[in-house]
Amino acid sequence: RAMVVVVDRPRARLRALDGRGARALTSAQSVGAARLGGLVARLGAADPARPLAEGYALVRDATGTAVTTARAAARAALVTLEFTDGTITARPVNGEET
């Protein structure tokens, strides 16, 4: 009977540790998946193409520099407008500098 106790106690302890390990692994996977989901969302929000998909355009001058004001666009001979599906070249008109 003493021999059974000597063998059964370590087995019970091993089963308990195994259960704790499995729970810890499941918990770590859940935390990792949640963190990955958050990082994917942040990456998507920082995607430079996202504003283009929402209807905005990126305006560049002939040197490829971003044009951020109407004044700068009015001074440019030509501008390139980048949309989600491609680019066009345009000549600013009625470009009054203010």
PDB file of N, CA and C in Angstrom:
ATOM      1  N   ARG A   1       0.832  -1.196   0.000  1.00  0.00           N
ATOM      2  CA  ARG A   1       0.000   0.000   0.000  1.00  0.00           C
ATOM      3  C   ARG A   1       0.876   1.259   0.000  1.00  0.00           C
ATOM      4  N   ALA A   2       1.960   1.228   0.743  1.00  0.00           N
ATOM      5  CA  ALA A   2       2.880   2.354   0.787  1.00  0.00           C
ATOM      6  C   ALA A   2       3.492   2.594  -0.589  1.00  0.00           C
ATOM      7  N   MET A   3       3.721   1.517  -1.322  1.00  0.00           N
ATOM      8  CA  MET A   3       4.295   1.639  -2.662  1.00  0.00           C
ATOM      9  C   MET A   3       3.318   2.352  -3.595  1.00  0.00           C
ATOM     10  N   VAL A   4       2.034   2.078  -3.473  1.00  0.00           N
ATOM     11  CA  VAL A   4       1.015   2.729  -4.303  1.00  0.00           C
ATOM     12  C   VAL A   4       1.002   4.226  -4.029  1.00  0.00           C
ATOM     13  N   VAL A   5       1.095   4.611  -2.764  1.00  0.00           N
ATOM     14  CA  VAL A   5       1.116   6.027  -2.401  1.00  0.00           C
ATOM     15  C   VAL A   5       2.355   6.697  -2.982  1.00  0.00           C
ATOM     16  N   VAL A   6       3.501   6.039  -2.910  1.00  0.00           N
ATOM     17  CA  VAL A   6       4.753   6.591  -3.418  1.00  0.00           C
ATOM     18  C   VAL A   6       4.668   6.838  -4.922  1.00  0.00           C
ATOM     19  N   VAL A   7       3.985   5.983  -5.660  1.00  0.00           N
ATOM     20  CA  VAL A   7       3.867   6.113  -7.111  1.00  0.00           C
ATOM     21  C   VAL A   7       2.714   7.045  -7.485  1.00  0.00           C
ATOM     22  N   ASP A   8       1.592   6.972  -6.788  1.00  0.00           N
ATOM     23  CA  ASP A   8       0.407   7.755  -7.138  1.00  0.00           C
ATOM     24  C   ASP A   8       0.576   9.248  -6.879  1.00  0.00           C
ATOM     25  N   ARG A   9       1.257   9.611  -5.820  1.00  0.00           N
ATOM     26  CA  ARG A   9       1.430  11.048  -5.526  1.00  0.00           C
ATOM     27  C   ARG A   9       2.191  11.764  -6.649  1.00  0.00           C
ATOM     28  N   PRO A  10       3.319  11.230  -7.089  1.00  0.00           N
ATOM     29  CA  PRO A  10       4.014  11.902  -8.201  1.00  0.00           C
ATOM     30  C   PRO A  10       3.177  11.936  -9.475  1.00  0.00           C
ATOM     31  N   ARG A  11       2.404  10.890  -9.721  1.00  0.00           N
ATOM     32  CA  ARG A  11       1.533  10.883 -10.902  1.00  0.00           C
ATOM     33  C   ARG A  11       0.485  11.990 -10.806  1.00  0.00           C
ATOM     34  N   ALA A  12      -0.123  12.104  -9.659  1.00  0.00           N
ATOM     35  CA  ALA A  12      -1.129  13.150  -9.461  1.00  0.00           C
ATOM     36  C   ALA A  12      -0.495  14.532  -9.626  1.00  0.00           C
ATOM     37  N   ARG A  13       0.681  14.691  -9.089  1.00  0.00           N
ATOM     38  CA  ARG A  13       1.391  15.969  -9.202  1.00  0.00           C
ATOM     39  C   ARG A  13       1.727  16.253 -10.667  1.00  0.00           C
ATOM     40  N   LEU A  14       2.151  15.223 -11.375  1.00  0.00           N
ATOM     41  CA  LEU A  14       2.477  15.375 -12.785  1.00  0.00           C
ATOM     42  C   LEU A  14       1.242  15.759 -13.592  1.00  0.00           C
ATOM     43  N   ARG A  15       0.095  15.121 -13.318  1.00  0.00           N
ATOM     44  CA  ARG A  15      -1.155  15.475 -14.008  1.00  0.00           C
ATOM     45  C   ARG A  15      -1.543  16.926 -13.717  1.00  0.00           C
ATOM     46  N   ALA A  16      -1.387  17.347 -12.475  1.00  0.00           N
ATOM     47  CA  ALA A  16      -1.710  18.730 -12.119  1.00  0.00           C
ATOM     48  C   ALA A  16      -0.806  19.709 -12.856  1.00  0.00           C
ATOM     49  N   LEU A  17       0.482  19.388 -12.918  1.00  0.00           N
ATOM     50  CA  LEU A  17       1.412  20.255 -13.638  1.00  0.00           C
ATOM     51  C   LEU A  17       1.111  20.278 -15.128  1.00  0.00           C
ATOM     52  N   ASP A  18       0.746  19.131 -15.666  1.00  0.00           N
ATOM     53  CA  ASP A  18       0.386  19.051 -17.077  1.00  0.00           C
ATOM     54  C   ASP A  18      -0.821  19.939 -17.366  1.00  0.00           C
ATOM     55  N   GLY A  19      -1.811  19.897 -16.495  1.00  0.00           N
ATOM     56  CA  GLY A  19      -2.998  20.734 -16.662  1.00  0.00           C
ATOM     57  C   GLY A  19      -2.655  22.215 -16.585  1.00  0.00           C
ATOM     58  N   ARG A  20      -1.788  22.569 -15.639  1.00  0.00           N
ATOM     59  CA  ARG A  20      -1.367  23.972 -15.517  1.00  0.00           C
ATOM     60  C   ARG A  20      -0.610  24.419 -16.760  1.00  0.00           C
ATOM     61  N   GLY A  21       0.231  23.544 -17.277  1.00  0.00           N
ATOM     62  CA  GLY A  21       0.986  23.881 -18.483  1.00  0.00           C
ATOM     63  C   GLY A  21       0.072  24.099 -19.676  1.00  0.00           C
ATOM     64  N   ALA A  22      -0.927  23.224 -19.815  1.00  0.00           N
ATOM     65  CA  ALA A  22      -1.870  23.360 -20.927  1.00  0.00           C
ATOM     66  C   ALA A  22      -2.654  24.664 -20.812  1.00  0.00           C
ATOM     67  N   ARG A  23      -3.089  24.999 -19.592  1.00  0.00           N
ATOM     68  CA  ARG A  23      -3.831  26.253 -19.392  1.00  0.00           C
ATOM     69  C   ARG A  23      -2.948  27.469 -19.672  1.00  0.00           C
ATOM     70  N   ALA A  24      -1.690  27.386 -19.238  1.00  0.00           N
ATOM     71  CA  ALA A  24      -0.756  28.494 -19.476  1.00  0.00           C
ATOM     72  C   ALA A  24      -0.513  28.681 -20.973  1.00  0.00           C
ATOM     73  N   LEU A  25      -0.375  27.587 -21.704  1.00  0.00           N
ATOM     74  CA  LEU A  25      -0.160  27.668 -23.142  1.00  0.00           C
ATOM     75  C   LEU A  25      -1.378  28.272 -23.837  1.00  0.00           C
ATOM     76  N   THR A  26      -2.565  27.830 -23.453  1.00  0.00           N
ATOM     77  CA  THR A  26      -3.793  28.375 -24.037  1.00  0.00           C
ATOM     78  C   THR A  26      -3.908  29.862 -23.749  1.00  0.00           C
ATOM     79  N   SER A  27      -3.597  30.253 -22.525  1.00  0.00           N
ATOM     80  CA  SER A  27      -3.643  31.659 -22.158  1.00  0.00           C
ATOM     81  C   SER A  27      -2.643  32.470 -22.959  1.00  0.00           C
ATOM     82  N   ALA A  28      -1.432  31.966 -23.099  1.00  0.00           N
ATOM     83  CA  ALA A  28      -0.398  32.672 -23.860  1.00  0.00           C
ATOM     84  C   ALA A  28      -0.796  32.817 -25.323  1.00  0.00           C
ATOM     85  N   GLN A  29      -1.422  31.789 -25.875  1.00  0.00           N
ATOM     86  CA  GLN A  29      -1.874  31.859 -27.262  1.00  0.00           C
ATOM     87  C   GLN A  29      -2.968  32.909 -27.418  1.00  0.00           C
ATOM     88  N   SER A  30      -3.878  32.969 -26.465  1.00  0.00           N
ATOM     89  CA  SER A  30      -4.955  33.962 -26.526  1.00  0.00           C
ATOM     90  C   SER A  30      -4.402  35.378 -26.442  1.00  0.00           C
ATOM     91  N   VAL A  31      -3.476  35.592 -25.528  1.00  0.00           N
ATOM     92  CA  VAL A  31      -2.860  36.917 -25.380  1.00  0.00           C
ATOM     93  C   VAL A  31      -2.097  37.273 -26.653  1.00  0.00           C
ATOM     94  N   GLY A  32      -1.355  36.330 -27.190  1.00  0.00           N
ATOM     95  CA  GLY A  32      -0.603  36.572 -28.422  1.00  0.00           C
ATOM     96  C   GLY A  32      -1.514  36.884 -29.598  1.00  0.00           C
ATOM     97  N   ALA A  33      -2.621  36.160 -29.717  1.00  0.00           N
ATOM     98  CA  ALA A  33      -3.565  36.407 -30.811  1.00  0.00           C
ATOM     99  C   ALA A  33      -4.198  37.785 -30.677  1.00  0.00           C
ATOM    100  N   ALA A  34      -4.541  38.176 -29.465  1.00  0.00           N
ATOM    101  CA  ALA A  34      -5.124  39.501 -29.246  1.00  0.00           C
ATOM    102  C   ALA A  34      -4.115  40.589 -29.586  1.00  0.00           C
ATOM    103  N   ARG A  35      -2.876  40.388 -29.174  1.00  0.00           N
ATOM    104  CA  ARG A  35      -1.825  41.382 -29.465  1.00  0.00           C
ATOM    105  C   ARG A  35      -1.587  41.479 -30.970  1.00  0.00           C
ATOM    106  N   LEU A  36      -1.539  40.335 -31.637  1.00  0.00           N
ATOM    107  CA  LEU A  36      -1.342  40.329 -33.083  1.00  0.00           C
ATOM    108  C   LEU A  36      -2.494  41.049 -33.776  1.00  0.00           C
ATOM    109  N   GLY A  37      -3.717  40.802 -33.321  1.00  0.00           N
ATOM    110  CA  GLY A  37      -4.866  41.490 -33.905  1.00  0.00           C
ATOM    111  C   GLY A  37      -4.759  42.998 -33.759  1.00  0.00           C
ATOM    112  N   GLY A  38      -4.307  43.445 -32.601  1.00  0.00           N
ATOM    113  CA  GLY A  38      -4.121  44.878 -32.381  1.00  0.00           C
ATOM    114  C   GLY A  38      -3.056  45.458 -33.288  1.00  0.00           C
ATOM    115  N   LEU A  39      -1.964  44.728 -33.462  1.00  0.00           N
ATOM    116  CA  LEU A  39      -0.887  45.198 -34.339  1.00  0.00           C
ATOM    117  C   LEU A  39      -1.334  45.245 -35.800  1.00  0.00           C
ATOM    118  N   VAL A  40      -2.117  44.264 -36.211  1.00  0.00           N
ATOM    119  CA  VAL A  40      -2.630  44.254 -37.589  1.00  0.00           C
ATOM    120  C   VAL A  40      -3.538  45.464 -37.809  1.00  0.00           C
ATOM    121  N   ALA A  41      -4.375  45.782 -36.818  1.00  0.00           N
ATOM    122  CA  ALA A  41      -5.257  46.949 -36.929  1.00  0.00           C
ATOM    123  C   ALA A  41      -4.447  48.238 -37.009  1.00  0.00           C
ATOM    124  N   ARG A  42      -3.407  48.348 -36.181  1.00  0.00           N
ATOM    125  CA  ARG A  42      -2.571  49.553 -36.216  1.00  0.00           C
ATOM    126  C   ARG A  42      -1.849  49.676 -37.548  1.00  0.00           C
ATOM    127  N   LEU A  43      -1.378  48.570 -38.066  1.00  0.00           N
ATOM    128  CA  LEU A  43      -0.690  48.580 -39.345  1.00  0.00           C
ATOM    129  C   LEU A  43      -1.646  49.009 -40.461  1.00  0.00           C
ATOM    130  N   GLY A  44      -2.863  48.497 -40.426  1.00  0.00           N
ATOM    131  CA  GLY A  44      -3.858  48.886 -41.428  1.00  0.00           C
ATOM    132  C   GLY A  44      -4.188  50.367 -41.361  1.00  0.00           C
ATOM    133  N   ALA A  45      -4.270  50.904 -40.160  1.00  0.00           N
ATOM    134  CA  ALA A  45      -4.573  52.327 -39.989  1.00  0.00           C
ATOM    135  C   ALA A  45      -3.432  53.200 -40.502  1.00  0.00           C
ATOM    136  N   ALA A  46      -2.209  52.684 -40.460  1.00  0.00           N
ATOM    137  CA  ALA A  46      -1.053  53.449 -40.911  1.00  0.00           C
ATOM    138  C   ALA A  46      -0.738  53.245 -42.394  1.00  0.00           C
ATOM    139  N   ASP A  47      -1.525  52.437 -43.070  1.00  0.00           N
ATOM    140  CA  ASP A  47      -1.287  52.150 -44.488  1.00  0.00           C
ATOM    141  C   ASP A  47      -1.453  53.427 -45.305  1.00  0.00           C
ATOM    142  N   PRO A  48      -0.417  53.873 -46.008  1.00  0.00           N
ATOM    143  CA  PRO A  48      -0.533  55.117 -46.772  1.00  0.00           C
ATOM    144  C   PRO A  48      -1.553  55.041 -47.904  1.00  0.00           C
ATOM    145  N   ALA A  49      -1.923  53.854 -48.325  1.00  0.00           N
ATOM    146  CA  ALA A  49      -2.918  53.722 -49.392  1.00  0.00           C
ATOM    147  C   ALA A  49      -4.342  53.860 -48.869  1.00  0.00           C
ATOM    148  N   ARG A  50      -4.524  53.791 -47.569  1.00  0.00           N
ATOM    149  CA  ARG A  50      -5.871  53.836 -46.997  1.00  0.00           C
ATOM    150  C   ARG A  50      -6.619  55.126 -47.336  1.00  0.00           C
ATOM    151  N   PRO A  51      -6.006  56.308 -47.177  1.00  0.00           N
ATOM    152  CA  PRO A  51      -6.740  57.520 -47.545  1.00  0.00           C
ATOM    153  C   PRO A  51      -7.134  57.545 -49.017  1.00  0.00           C
ATOM    154  N   LEU A  52      -6.287  56.977 -49.879  1.00  0.00           N
ATOM    155  CA  LEU A  52      -6.622  56.936 -51.301  1.00  0.00           C
ATOM    156  C   LEU A  52      -7.877  56.107 -51.524  1.00  0.00           C
ATOM    157  N   ALA A  53      -8.006  55.010 -50.797  1.00  0.00           N
ATOM    158  CA  ALA A  53      -9.188  54.156 -50.921  1.00  0.00           C
ATOM    159  C   ALA A  53     -10.440  54.858 -50.397  1.00  0.00           C
ATOM    160  N   GLU A  54     -10.252  55.865 -49.549  1.00  0.00           N
ATOM    161  CA  GLU A  54     -11.392  56.605 -48.993  1.00  0.00           C
ATOM    162  C   GLU A  54     -11.748  57.835 -49.815  1.00  0.00           C
ATOM    163  N   GLY A  55     -11.091  58.014 -50.975  1.00  0.00           N
ATOM    164  CA  GLY A  55     -11.460  59.102 -51.864  1.00  0.00           C
ATOM    165  C   GLY A  55     -10.492  60.261 -51.902  1.00  0.00           C
ATOM    166  N   TYR A  56      -9.422  60.199 -51.153  1.00  0.00           N
ATOM    167  CA  TYR A  56      -8.429  61.263 -51.190  1.00  0.00           C
ATOM    168  C   TYR A  56      -7.434  60.990 -52.308  1.00  0.00           C
ATOM    169  N   ALA A  57      -6.701  62.030 -52.697  1.00  0.00           N
ATOM    170  CA  ALA A  57      -5.662  61.885 -53.710  1.00  0.00           C
ATOM    171  C   ALA A  57      -4.365  62.461 -53.161  1.00  0.00           C
ATOM    172  N   LEU A  58      -3.257  61.927 -53.619  1.00  0.00           N
ATOM    173  CA  LEU A  58      -1.939  62.440 -53.265  1.00  0.00           C
ATOM    174  C   LEU A  58      -1.480  63.304 -54.428  1.00  0.00           C
ATOM    175  N   VAL A  59      -1.146  64.552 -54.134  1.00  0.00           N
ATOM    176  CA  VAL A  59      -0.735  65.505 -55.161  1.00  0.00           C
ATOM    177  C   VAL A  59       0.777  65.698 -55.067  1.00  0.00           C
ATOM    178  N   ARG A  60       1.454  65.571 -56.211  1.00  0.00           N
ATOM    179  CA  ARG A  60       2.914  65.752 -56.258  1.00  0.00           C
ATOM    180  C   ARG A  60       3.253  66.724 -57.389  1.00  0.00           C
ATOM    181  N   ASP A  61       4.352  67.455 -57.184  1.00  0.00           N
ATOM    182  CA  ASP A  61       4.819  68.338 -58.245  1.00  0.00           C
ATOM    183  C   ASP A  61       5.716  67.548 -59.197  1.00  0.00           C
ATOM    184  N   ALA A  62       6.332  68.253 -60.148  1.00  0.00           N
ATOM    185  CA  ALA A  62       7.144  67.592 -61.173  1.00  0.00           C
ATOM    186  C   ALA A  62       8.356  66.875 -60.588  1.00  0.00           C
ATOM    187  N   THR A  63       8.827  67.303 -59.416  1.00  0.00           N
ATOM    188  CA  THR A  63       9.986  66.649 -58.807  1.00  0.00           C
ATOM    189  C   THR A  63       9.582  65.460 -57.941  1.00  0.00           C
ATOM    190  N   GLY A  64       8.276  65.255 -57.797  1.00  0.00           N
ATOM    191  CA  GLY A  64       7.795  64.154 -56.973  1.00  0.00           C
ATOM    192  C   GLY A  64       7.546  64.536 -55.529  1.00  0.00           C
ATOM    193  N   THR A  65       7.728  65.809 -55.208  1.00  0.00           N
ATOM    194  CA  THR A  65       7.493  66.292 -53.850  1.00  0.00           C
ATOM    195  C   THR A  65       6.000  66.456 -53.610  1.00  0.00           C
ATOM    196  N   ALA A  66       5.546  66.048 -52.445  1.00  0.00           N
ATOM    197  CA  ALA A  66       4.126  66.179 -52.118  1.00  0.00           C
ATOM    198  C   ALA A  66       3.729  67.650 -52.080  1.00  0.00           C
ATOM    199  N   VAL A  67       2.594  67.953 -52.683  1.00  0.00           N
ATOM    200  CA  VAL A  67       2.037  69.303 -52.679  1.00  0.00           C
ATOM    201  C   VAL A  67       0.934  69.313 -51.627  1.00  0.00           C
ATOM    202  N   THR A  68       1.096  70.151 -50.623  1.00  0.00           N
ATOM    203  CA  THR A  68       0.162  70.121 -49.494  1.00  0.00           C
ATOM    204  C   THR A  68      -0.716  71.360 -49.385  1.00  0.00           C
ATOM    205  N   THR A  69      -0.472  72.356 -50.230  1.00  0.00           N
ATOM    206  CA  THR A  69      -1.286  73.575 -50.160  1.00  0.00           C
ATOM    207  C   THR A  69      -1.739  73.996 -51.555  1.00  0.00           C
ATOM    208  N   ALA A  70      -2.813  74.753 -51.614  1.00  0.00           N
ATOM    209  CA  ALA A  70      -3.297  75.286 -52.889  1.00  0.00           C
ATOM    210  C   ALA A  70      -2.268  76.238 -53.481  1.00  0.00           C
ATOM    211  N   ARG A  71      -1.602  76.979 -52.628  1.00  0.00           N
ATOM    212  CA  ARG A  71      -0.568  77.918 -53.089  1.00  0.00           C
ATOM    213  C   ARG A  71       0.542  77.167 -53.818  1.00  0.00           C
ATOM    214  N   ALA A  72       1.010  76.083 -53.253  1.00  0.00           N
ATOM    215  CA  ALA A  72       2.075  75.303 -53.895  1.00  0.00           C
ATOM    216  C   ALA A  72       1.585  74.691 -55.199  1.00  0.00           C
ATOM    217  N   ALA A  73       0.362  74.252 -55.235  1.00  0.00           N
ATOM    218  CA  ALA A  73      -0.190  73.685 -56.465  1.00  0.00           C
ATOM    219  C   ALA A  73      -0.302  74.752 -57.537  1.00  0.00           C
ATOM    220  N   ALA A  74      -0.701  75.976 -57.156  1.00  0.00           N
ATOM    221  CA  ALA A  74      -0.835  77.068 -58.119  1.00  0.00           C
ATOM    222  C   ALA A  74       0.504  77.434 -58.735  1.00  0.00           C
ATOM    223  N   ARG A  75       1.594  77.270 -57.988  1.00  0.00           N
ATOM    224  CA  ARG A  75       2.931  77.602 -58.505  1.00  0.00           C
ATOM    225  C   ARG A  75       3.480  76.515 -59.419  1.00  0.00           C
ATOM    226  N   ALA A  76       2.931  75.337 -59.368  1.00  0.00           N
ATOM    227  CA  ALA A  76       3.440  74.226 -60.178  1.00  0.00           C
ATOM    228  C   ALA A  76       2.871  74.291 -61.587  1.00  0.00           C
ATOM    229  N   ALA A  77       3.720  73.986 -62.555  1.00  0.00           N
ATOM    230  CA  ALA A  77       3.249  73.952 -63.936  1.00  0.00           C
ATOM    231  C   ALA A  77       2.352  72.740 -64.151  1.00  0.00           C
ATOM    232  N   LEU A  78       2.757  71.612 -63.592  1.00  0.00           N
ATOM    233  CA  LEU A  78       1.982  70.376 -63.680  1.00  0.00           C
ATOM    234  C   LEU A  78       2.008  69.701 -62.319  1.00  0.00           C
ATOM    235  N   VAL A  79       0.947  68.989 -62.018  1.00  0.00           N
ATOM    236  CA  VAL A  79       0.904  68.172 -60.805  1.00  0.00           C
ATOM    237  C   VAL A  79       0.455  66.782 -61.188  1.00  0.00           C
ATOM    238  N   THR A  80       0.875  65.829 -60.395  1.00  0.00           N
ATOM    239  CA  THR A  80       0.431  64.453 -60.577  1.00  0.00           C
ATOM    240  C   THR A  80      -0.508  64.131 -59.433  1.00  0.00           C
ATOM    241  N   LEU A  81      -1.665  63.596 -59.760  1.00  0.00           N
ATOM    242  CA  LEU A  81      -2.661  63.205 -58.768  1.00  0.00           C
ATOM    243  C   LEU A  81      -2.686  61.686 -58.699  1.00  0.00           C
ATOM    244  N   GLU A  82      -2.386  61.166 -57.519  1.00  0.00           N
ATOM    245  CA  GLU A  82      -2.378  59.715 -57.337  1.00  0.00           C
ATOM    246  C   GLU A  82      -3.661  59.292 -56.641  1.00  0.00           C
ATOM    247  N   PHE A  83      -4.389  58.402 -57.278  1.00  0.00           N
ATOM    248  CA  PHE A  83      -5.628  57.849 -56.740  1.00  0.00           C
ATOM    249  C   PHE A  83      -5.404  56.374 -56.400  1.00  0.00           C
ATOM    250  N   THR A  84      -6.389  55.742 -55.871  1.00  0.00           N
ATOM    251  CA  THR A  84      -6.250  54.337 -55.508  1.00  0.00           C
ATOM    252  C   THR A  84      -6.028  53.438 -56.724  1.00  0.00           C
ATOM    253  N   ASP A  85      -6.528  53.861 -57.884  1.00  0.00           N
ATOM    254  CA  ASP A  85      -6.419  53.005 -59.074  1.00  0.00           C
ATOM    255  C   ASP A  85      -5.439  53.526 -60.124  1.00  0.00           C
ATOM    256  N   GLY A  86      -4.668  54.547 -59.798  1.00  0.00           N
ATOM    257  CA  GLY A  86      -3.691  55.053 -60.753  1.00  0.00           C
ATOM    258  C   GLY A  86      -3.435  56.535 -60.580  1.00  0.00           C
ATOM    259  N   THR A  87      -2.712  57.096 -61.531  1.00  0.00           N
ATOM    260  CA  THR A  87      -2.352  58.505 -61.460  1.00  0.00           C
ATOM    261  C   THR A  87      -2.758  59.226 -62.731  1.00  0.00           C
ATOM    262  N   ILE A  88      -2.926  60.544 -62.591  1.00  0.00           N
ATOM    263  CA  ILE A  88      -3.135  61.411 -63.754  1.00  0.00           C
ATOM    264  C   ILE A  88      -2.258  62.641 -63.563  1.00  0.00           C
ATOM    265  N   THR A  89      -1.953  63.290 -64.666  1.00  0.00           N
ATOM    266  CA  THR A  89      -1.210  64.538 -64.625  1.00  0.00           C
ATOM    267  C   THR A  89      -2.195  65.652 -64.933  1.00  0.00           C
ATOM    268  N   ALA A  90      -2.076  66.752 -64.193  1.00  0.00           N
ATOM    269  CA  ALA A  90      -2.995  67.875 -64.376  1.00  0.00           C
ATOM    270  C   ALA A  90      -2.229  69.182 -64.366  1.00  0.00           C
ATOM    271  N   ARG A  91      -2.817  70.186 -65.024  1.00  0.00           N
ATOM    272  CA  ARG A  91      -2.249  71.520 -65.029  1.00  0.00           C
ATOM    273  C   ARG A  91      -3.170  72.388 -64.184  1.00  0.00           C
ATOM    274  N   PRO A  92      -2.656  72.948 -63.081  1.00  0.00           N
ATOM    275  CA  PRO A  92      -3.501  73.802 -62.244  1.00  0.00           C
ATOM    276  C   PRO A  92      -3.965  75.047 -63.016  1.00  0.00           C
ATOM    277  N   VAL A  93      -5.242  75.364 -62.887  1.00  0.00           N
ATOM    278  CA  VAL A  93      -5.815  76.581 -63.476  1.00  0.00           C
ATOM    279  C   VAL A  93      -6.514  77.365 -62.392  1.00  0.00           C
ATOM    280  N   ASN A  94      -6.690  78.642 -62.634  1.00  0.00           N
ATOM    281  CA  ASN A  94      -7.301  79.508 -61.638  1.00  0.00           C
ATOM    282  C   ASN A  94      -6.569  79.428 -60.318  1.00  0.00           C
ATOM    283  N   GLY A  95      -5.283  79.253 -60.405  1.00  0.00           N
ATOM    284  CA  GLY A  95      -4.490  79.091 -59.192  1.00  0.00           C
ATOM    285  C   GLY A  95      -4.069  80.425 -58.631  1.00  0.00           C
ATOM    286  N   GLU A  96      -4.954  81.074 -57.952  1.00  0.00           N
ATOM    287  CA  GLU A  96      -4.630  82.349 -57.325  1.00  0.00           C
ATOM    288  C   GLU A  96      -3.888  82.088 -56.024  1.00  0.00           C
ATOM    289  N   GLU A  97      -2.746  82.712 -55.876  1.00  0.00           N
ATOM    290  CA  GLU A  97      -2.003  82.586 -54.627  1.00  0.00           C
ATOM    291  C   GLU A  97      -2.648  83.508 -53.612  1.00  0.00           C
ATOM    292  N   THR A  98      -2.905  82.949 -52.429  1.00  0.00           N
ATOM    293  CA  THR A  98      -3.507  83.757 -51.360  1.00  0.00           C
ATOM    294  C   THR A  98      -2.554  83.934 -50.222  1.00  0.00           C
TER     295      THR A  98
END
